[in-house]
Protein backbone atom coordinates (compact mmCIF):
# COMPACT_ATOMS: atom_id res chain seq x y z
CA UNK A 1 0.00 0.00 0.00
CA UNK A 2 1.55 3.34 -1.01
CA UNK A 3 1.57 6.45 1.10
CA UNK A 4 -1.28 8.09 -0.84
CA UNK A 5 -3.72 5.31 -0.14
CA UNK A 6 -2.77 5.31 3.56
CA UNK A 7 -3.51 9.04 3.85
CA UNK A 8 -6.95 8.73 2.10
CA UNK A 9 -7.98 5.81 4.30
CA UNK A 10 -6.97 7.71 7.45
CA UNK A 11 -8.98 10.82 6.39
CA UNK A 12 -12.10 8.75 5.68
CA UNK A 13 -11.92 7.03 9.06
CA UNK A 14 -11.50 10.39 10.83
CA UNK A 15 -14.52 11.90 9.02
CA UNK A 16 -16.70 8.94 9.88
CA UNK A 17 -15.81 9.16 13.59
CA UNK A 18 -16.30 12.97 13.91
CA UNK A 19 -19.85 14.30 14.75
CA UNK A 20 -21.37 16.82 12.32
CA UNK A 21 -22.37 20.15 13.88
CA UNK A 22 -25.37 21.73 12.11
CA UNK A 23 -28.51 23.84 12.83
CA UNK A 24 -31.64 22.06 14.07
CA UNK A 25 -33.75 20.74 11.23
CA UNK A 26 -37.08 22.54 10.47
CA UNK A 27 -39.98 20.16 10.89
CA UNK A 28 -43.25 21.16 9.12
CA UNK A 29 -46.40 20.89 11.25
CA UNK A 30 -48.93 18.33 10.21
CA UNK A 31 -51.80 20.05 8.35
CA UNK A 32 -55.11 20.17 10.18
CA UNK A 33 -57.72 17.98 8.55
CA UNK A 34 -60.22 20.00 6.48
CA UNK A 35 -63.88 19.02 6.42
CA UNK A 36 -65.20 20.03 3.04
CA UNK A 37 -68.85 21.07 2.65
CA UNK A 38 -70.93 18.05 1.77
CA UNK A 39 -74.00 18.20 -0.42
CA UNK A 40 -77.24 17.21 1.31
CA UNK A 41 -79.70 15.83 -1.21
CA UNK A 42 -82.24 14.44 1.27
CA UNK A 43 -84.45 17.56 1.10
CA UNK A 44 -84.00 18.66 -2.51
CA UNK A 45 -81.45 20.76 -4.36
CA UNK A 46 -79.41 23.53 -2.79
CA UNK A 47 -78.91 22.02 0.68
CA UNK A 48 -75.51 21.32 2.26
CA UNK A 49 -74.44 19.96 5.63
CA UNK A 50 -73.33 22.52 8.18
CA UNK A 51 -69.75 21.31 8.95
CA UNK A 52 -69.59 19.20 12.07
CA UNK A 53 -73.36 18.62 12.21
CA UNK A 54 -76.06 16.55 10.57
CA UNK A 55 -78.17 19.67 9.91
CA UNK A 56 -78.76 20.65 6.28
CA UNK A 57 -78.87 24.31 5.31
CA UNK A 58 -80.12 26.08 2.19
CA UNK A 59 -79.50 29.76 1.39
CA UNK A 60 -81.61 31.46 -1.27
CA UNK A 61 -83.13 34.82 -2.06
CA UNK A 62 -83.57 37.52 -4.66
CA UNK A 63 -82.64 41.07 -5.64
CA UNK A 64 -85.48 43.19 -7.00
CA UNK A 65 -85.69 46.60 -8.65
CA UNK A 66 -89.19 47.95 -9.16
CA UNK A 67 -90.81 51.14 -10.41
CA UNK A 68 -94.38 51.68 -9.17
CA UNK A 69 -96.76 53.98 -11.02
CA UNK A 70 -100.11 55.43 -10.00
CA UNK A 71 -101.47 58.05 -7.61
CA UNK A 72 -98.80 58.62 -4.92
CA UNK A 73 -97.37 55.09 -5.30
CA UNK A 74 -94.78 55.76 -2.61
CA UNK A 75 -97.37 57.18 -0.20
CA UNK A 76 -98.45 60.76 0.25
CA UNK A 77 -95.86 61.23 3.02
CA UNK A 78 -93.03 60.18 0.67
CA UNK A 79 -93.72 62.23 -2.45
CA UNK A 80 -96.55 63.50 -4.59
CA UNK A 81 -95.18 62.05 -7.83
CA UNK A 82 -97.00 59.51 -9.99
CA UNK A 83 -94.04 57.10 -9.90
CA UNK A 84 -91.63 55.74 -7.30
CA UNK A 85 -88.58 53.47 -7.63
CA UNK A 86 -87.80 50.93 -4.88
CA UNK A 87 -85.15 48.24 -4.41
CA UNK A 88 -85.34 45.09 -2.30
CA UNK A 89 -82.91 42.39 -1.24
CA UNK A 90 -84.21 39.23 0.45
CA UNK A 91 -82.30 36.30 1.94
CA UNK A 92 -83.85 33.07 3.23
CA UNK A 93 -82.13 30.50 5.43
CA UNK A 94 -83.78 27.07 5.69
CA UNK A 95 -82.38 24.47 8.10
CA UNK A 96 -83.55 20.85 8.17
CA UNK A 97 -82.61 17.79 10.18
CA UNK A 98 -84.13 14.38 10.79
CA UNK A 99 -85.89 13.60 14.09
CA UNK A 100 -88.05 10.80 15.40
CA UNK A 101 -91.06 12.99 14.51
CA UNK A 102 -89.91 13.63 10.95
CA UNK A 103 -87.92 16.53 9.49
CA UNK A 104 -87.41 19.49 11.82
CA UNK A 105 -87.44 22.72 9.79
CA UNK A 106 -86.42 26.22 10.77
CA UNK A 107 -86.81 29.19 8.42
CA UNK A 108 -85.54 32.75 8.72
CA UNK A 109 -86.30 35.33 6.00
CA UNK A 110 -84.64 38.75 6.14
CA UNK A 111 -85.82 41.52 3.86
CA UNK A 112 -84.08 44.82 3.13
CA UNK A 113 -86.02 47.61 1.39
CA UNK A 114 -84.78 50.95 0.09
CA UNK A 115 -87.00 53.70 -1.28
CA UNK A 116 -83.90 55.88 -1.57
CA UNK A 117 -80.46 56.26 -0.02
CA UNK A 118 -81.82 57.43 3.35
CA UNK A 119 -85.29 55.86 3.53
CA UNK A 120 -84.43 52.21 4.17
CA UNK A 121 -85.56 49.42 6.46
CA UNK A 122 -84.60 45.90 7.41
CA UNK A 123 -87.39 43.59 8.55
CA UNK A 124 -87.89 40.03 9.67
CA UNK A 125 -90.16 38.80 6.89
CA UNK A 126 -90.66 35.30 8.32
CA UNK A 127 -89.27 33.12 11.12
CA UNK A 128 -90.85 29.84 12.10
CA UNK A 129 -90.38 26.26 13.29
CA UNK A 130 -92.01 23.32 11.53
CA UNK A 131 -92.19 19.66 12.59
CA UNK A 132 -94.71 16.84 12.14
CA UNK A 133 -97.18 19.20 10.45
CA UNK A 134 -97.09 21.80 13.25
CA UNK A 135 -95.78 25.29 12.49
CA UNK A 136 -95.21 28.12 14.98
CA UNK A 137 -93.79 31.58 14.45
CA UNK A 138 -94.12 34.48 12.03
CA UNK A 139 -95.31 33.32 8.60
CA UNK A 140 -97.78 34.06 5.81
CA UNK A 141 -101.32 32.72 5.99
CA UNK A 142 -103.26 30.95 3.25
CA UNK A 143 -104.91 34.32 2.55
CA UNK A 144 -101.62 35.51 1.04
CA UNK A 145 -102.18 33.19 -1.93
CA UNK A 146 -103.85 34.50 -5.07
CA UNK A 147 -104.19 33.94 -8.77
CA UNK A 148 -101.01 34.02 -10.86
CA UNK A 149 -101.38 37.60 -12.11
CA UNK A 150 -100.75 40.78 -10.14
CA UNK A 151 -104.13 42.46 -10.57
CA UNK A 152 -106.48 40.39 -8.39
CA UNK A 153 -107.60 41.68 -4.97
CA UNK A 154 -108.85 38.64 -3.08
CA UNK A 155 -106.58 38.55 0.00
CA UNK A 156 -106.16 40.16 3.39
CA UNK A 157 -104.78 43.64 3.97
CA UNK A 158 -102.07 42.00 6.12
CA UNK A 159 -101.26 38.31 5.62
CA UNK A 160 -98.16 37.95 7.84
CA UNK A 161 -99.01 36.90 11.41
CA UNK A 162 -97.59 35.27 14.49
CA UNK A 163 -99.49 32.00 14.22
CA UNK A 164 -99.77 28.42 15.38
CA UNK A 165 -100.83 26.01 12.63
CA UNK A 166 -101.29 22.36 11.90
CA UNK A 167 -101.38 21.18 8.28
CA UNK A 168 -101.81 17.66 6.99
CA UNK A 169 -100.20 17.01 3.61
CA UNK A 170 -100.21 14.16 1.15
CA UNK A 171 -98.88 14.14 -2.39
CA UNK A 172 -101.85 15.97 -3.95
CA UNK A 173 -103.87 17.24 -0.96
CA UNK A 174 -103.48 19.38 2.13
CA UNK A 175 -105.78 20.58 4.93
CA UNK A 176 -104.91 22.74 7.90
CA UNK A 177 -106.10 24.93 10.76
CA UNK A 178 -104.38 27.98 12.24
CA UNK A 179 -104.77 30.40 15.14
CA UNK A 180 -103.54 33.87 14.12
CA UNK A 181 -102.63 36.93 16.17
CA UNK A 182 -104.25 39.87 14.35
CA UNK A 183 -102.52 42.80 16.01
CA UNK A 184 -102.07 44.51 12.65
CA UNK A 185 -105.46 43.59 11.19
CA UNK A 186 -108.41 45.86 10.43
CA UNK A 187 -110.51 47.50 13.13
CA UNK A 188 -113.58 49.72 13.55
CA UNK A 189 -113.31 53.47 14.24
CA UNK A 190 -112.48 54.15 17.89
CA UNK A 191 -111.10 50.64 18.46
CA UNK A 192 -107.67 49.01 18.18
CA UNK A 193 -106.33 46.03 16.25
CA UNK A 194 -105.43 43.63 19.03
CA UNK A 195 -107.37 40.43 18.50
CA UNK A 196 -107.16 36.85 17.32
CA UNK A 197 -108.49 34.86 14.39
CA UNK A 198 -108.99 31.27 13.36
CA UNK A 199 -108.40 30.21 9.74
CA UNK A 200 -108.45 27.03 7.68
CA UNK A 201 -107.08 26.01 4.31
CA UNK A 202 -107.89 23.06 2.07
CA UNK A 203 -106.34 22.51 -1.35
CA UNK A 204 -104.68 20.21 -3.80
CA UNK A 205 -104.38 19.11 -7.39
CA UNK A 206 -106.17 16.66 -9.62
CA UNK A 207 -104.43 16.28 -12.95
CA UNK A 208 -104.43 19.65 -14.72
CA UNK A 209 -106.79 21.15 -12.10
CA UNK A 210 -105.70 22.79 -8.84
CA UNK A 211 -107.95 24.19 -6.13
CA UNK A 212 -107.90 25.96 -2.76
CA UNK A 213 -110.62 26.82 -0.24
CA UNK A 214 -109.67 29.26 2.52
CA UNK A 215 -111.72 30.61 5.42
CA UNK A 216 -111.16 32.77 8.46
CA UNK A 217 -113.06 34.18 11.43
CA UNK A 218 -112.00 37.45 13.09
CA UNK A 219 -112.97 37.11 16.77
CA UNK A 220 -112.79 40.81 17.67
CA UNK A 221 -114.75 42.05 14.65
CA UNK A 222 -117.12 39.05 14.92
CA UNK A 223 -117.09 38.52 11.16
CA UNK A 224 -115.46 36.09 8.79
CA UNK A 225 -114.74 35.38 5.15
CA UNK A 226 -114.43 32.41 2.82
CA UNK A 227 -112.69 32.14 -0.54
CA UNK A 228 -112.46 29.53 -3.28
CA UNK A 229 -109.89 29.48 -6.10
CA UNK A 230 -109.17 27.10 -8.92
CA UNK A 231 -106.98 26.85 -12.02
CA UNK A 232 -107.10 24.53 -14.99
CA UNK A 233 -104.91 24.20 -18.07
CA UNK A 234 -106.92 25.02 -21.19
CA UNK A 235 -105.42 25.49 -24.64
CA UNK A 236 -102.21 27.55 -24.66
CA UNK A 237 -102.62 28.77 -21.08
CA UNK A 238 -104.14 28.39 -17.64
CA UNK A 239 -107.58 29.66 -16.66
CA UNK A 240 -107.95 30.90 -13.08
CA UNK A 241 -111.23 31.62 -11.26
CA UNK A 242 -111.81 32.90 -7.72
CA UNK A 243 -114.68 34.03 -5.53
CA UNK A 244 -114.72 35.49 -2.01
CA UNK A 245 -117.52 36.41 0.43
CA UNK A 246 -117.28 38.33 3.70
CA UNK A 247 -120.02 38.57 6.35
CA UNK A 248 -118.64 41.99 7.31
CA UNK A 249 -115.33 43.90 7.30
CA UNK A 250 -112.73 41.71 9.05
CA UNK A 251 -108.99 41.07 9.04
CA UNK A 252 -109.24 38.20 6.54
CA UNK A 253 -111.16 40.11 3.84
CA UNK A 254 -112.40 43.69 3.91
CA UNK A 255 -112.18 45.01 0.33
CA UNK A 256 -115.85 44.22 -0.41
CA UNK A 257 -118.77 42.13 0.74
CA UNK A 258 -118.13 39.78 -2.17
CA UNK A 259 -115.95 39.60 -5.27
CA UNK A 260 -115.32 37.36 -8.26
CA UNK A 261 -112.13 37.32 -10.34
CA UNK A 262 -110.93 35.60 -13.49
CA UNK A 263 -107.70 35.49 -15.46
CA UNK A 264 -106.16 33.58 -18.32
CA UNK A 265 -102.37 33.10 -18.24
CA UNK A 266 -101.28 32.62 -21.85
CA UNK A 267 -97.90 30.95 -22.35
CA UNK A 268 -97.00 32.72 -25.59
CA UNK A 269 -93.46 31.28 -25.73
CA UNK A 270 -91.15 29.39 -23.41
CA UNK A 271 -90.08 32.74 -21.96
CA UNK A 272 -93.15 34.97 -22.37
CA UNK A 273 -96.42 34.80 -20.41
CA UNK A 274 -99.33 37.25 -20.88
CA UNK A 275 -102.13 37.34 -18.31
CA UNK A 276 -105.28 39.44 -18.82
CA UNK A 277 -107.59 39.57 -15.79
CA UNK A 278 -110.90 41.01 -14.59
CA UNK A 279 -112.56 41.37 -11.19
CA UNK A 280 -115.96 42.58 -9.96
CA UNK A 281 -116.70 43.73 -6.40
CA UNK A 282 -120.09 43.85 -4.69
CA UNK A 283 -120.46 46.57 -2.01
CA UNK A 284 -116.91 47.77 -2.49
CA UNK A 285 -115.04 49.40 0.42
CA UNK A 286 -111.44 49.32 -0.85
CA UNK A 287 -108.33 49.34 1.30
CA UNK A 288 -107.34 50.70 4.66
CA UNK A 289 -107.15 49.34 8.17
CA UNK A 290 -110.02 51.40 9.66
CA UNK A 291 -113.22 49.78 8.33
CA UNK A 292 -116.95 50.52 8.56
CA UNK A 293 -119.30 48.48 10.73
CA UNK A 294 -120.74 46.75 7.65
CA UNK A 295 -120.90 46.95 3.85
CA UNK A 296 -124.48 48.25 3.65
CA UNK A 297 -124.98 51.16 1.28
CA UNK A 298 -121.65 50.83 -0.51
CA UNK A 299 -121.51 50.83 -4.30
CA UNK A 300 -119.96 48.22 -6.56
CA UNK A 301 -116.65 48.34 -8.47
CA UNK A 302 -114.87 46.58 -11.31
CA UNK A 303 -111.26 46.19 -12.35
CA UNK A 304 -109.36 45.04 -15.43
CA UNK A 305 -105.65 44.35 -15.66
CA UNK A 306 -102.83 42.92 -17.72
CA UNK A 307 -99.58 41.30 -16.54
CA UNK A 308 -96.62 40.39 -18.77
CA UNK A 309 -93.81 38.10 -17.54
CA UNK A 310 -90.60 37.59 -19.50
CA UNK A 311 -87.80 35.20 -18.54
CA UNK A 312 -84.63 36.98 -19.71
CA UNK A 313 -82.24 34.19 -18.68
CA UNK A 314 -82.33 31.53 -15.98
CA UNK A 315 -83.11 33.08 -12.58
CA UNK A 316 -83.58 36.57 -14.08
CA UNK A 317 -86.94 37.88 -15.25
CA UNK A 318 -88.89 41.05 -16.01
CA UNK A 319 -92.51 41.71 -15.07
CA UNK A 320 -94.83 44.57 -16.04
CA UNK A 321 -98.42 45.01 -14.93
CA UNK A 322 -101.14 47.63 -15.21
CA UNK A 323 -104.70 47.71 -13.85
CA UNK A 324 -107.69 50.03 -14.07
CA UNK A 325 -110.19 50.30 -11.18
CA UNK A 326 -113.61 51.96 -11.49
CA UNK A 327 -115.62 52.18 -8.23
CA UNK A 328 -119.17 53.55 -8.07
CA UNK A 329 -118.38 55.68 -5.01
CA UNK A 330 -114.99 57.07 -6.02
CA UNK A 331 -112.66 58.15 -8.78
CA UNK A 332 -111.29 55.65 -11.24
CA UNK A 333 -107.56 54.93 -10.91
CA UNK A 334 -104.80 53.38 -13.01
CA UNK A 335 -101.79 51.75 -11.34
CA UNK A 336 -99.05 49.24 -12.03
CA UNK A 337 -95.35 48.52 -11.85
CA UNK A 338 -92.29 47.37 -13.79
CA UNK A 339 -89.96 44.88 -12.09
CA UNK A 340 -86.57 43.29 -12.66
CA UNK A 341 -85.67 40.39 -10.35
CA UNK A 342 -82.69 38.08 -10.04
CA UNK A 343 -83.21 35.00 -7.88
CA UNK A 344 -80.53 32.73 -6.42
């Protein structure tokens, strides 16, 4: 072995026996597990599981721009113009989960309205609990329903109440009973709106025909009302008929002693719907929360209207409507609105 090989072998042995001095190694922390949002398809489209729970949540709503036209459409205290532009944003949260009694549902609807930059409000539009057919909270009554157009007048002045309701439902039929707090209902002169009402609703479908019968009794005003509606597909559109009768002015119906309405929603194209409508009132009172003792001595009235709906793209549509009202005891009026709405 020559001297060179001896020197190399000695250096290698020295290096192997000498510890290496270096900075502490950087150890990366283990990433936290991420729970991705899971789709919940048990209750329809749009639901997802709230992370860490078995509760399904759906978020939906719309943005609406609308121009109202008529006599002081924004109210006499707002302006004296014959038109008024308003904007609305609405968000709805629906939570569902399974229980031994069936799905437990909770709904919160927030609504934000702006007449202008300074005149704005945020309101709780609905909030209720629903399980096994029972519903309790703030929600709209059956009297909020109407025909498909925007010109009929067959509902209550106020249809949103704190209520307790039970409703039985099958695939094509429902029937229910509710107890409604009518604090913001109609009342006689010199009195206050602080009473209760009992209402019922029955409805369903049978092939191309749908129907609904709604009734209500206002305990404080000691009067009630009943209404029947039906629609059937005929030709290129849908024919809708409705009739309502009130024993006297009450919180469920106070516009007239009786009224009949008809409309025909023509599906002109896949995107365009045109709905002419007509309504006749017997012993017409009109609107307002302060009502007369009865309808005796009041004149009749009639109304005609036209509504046009156009689907611009998916979830975005335009609506325009106009109606003409001619009462025996008052001046005739023309009113309507133009609306753009994007739903999500």
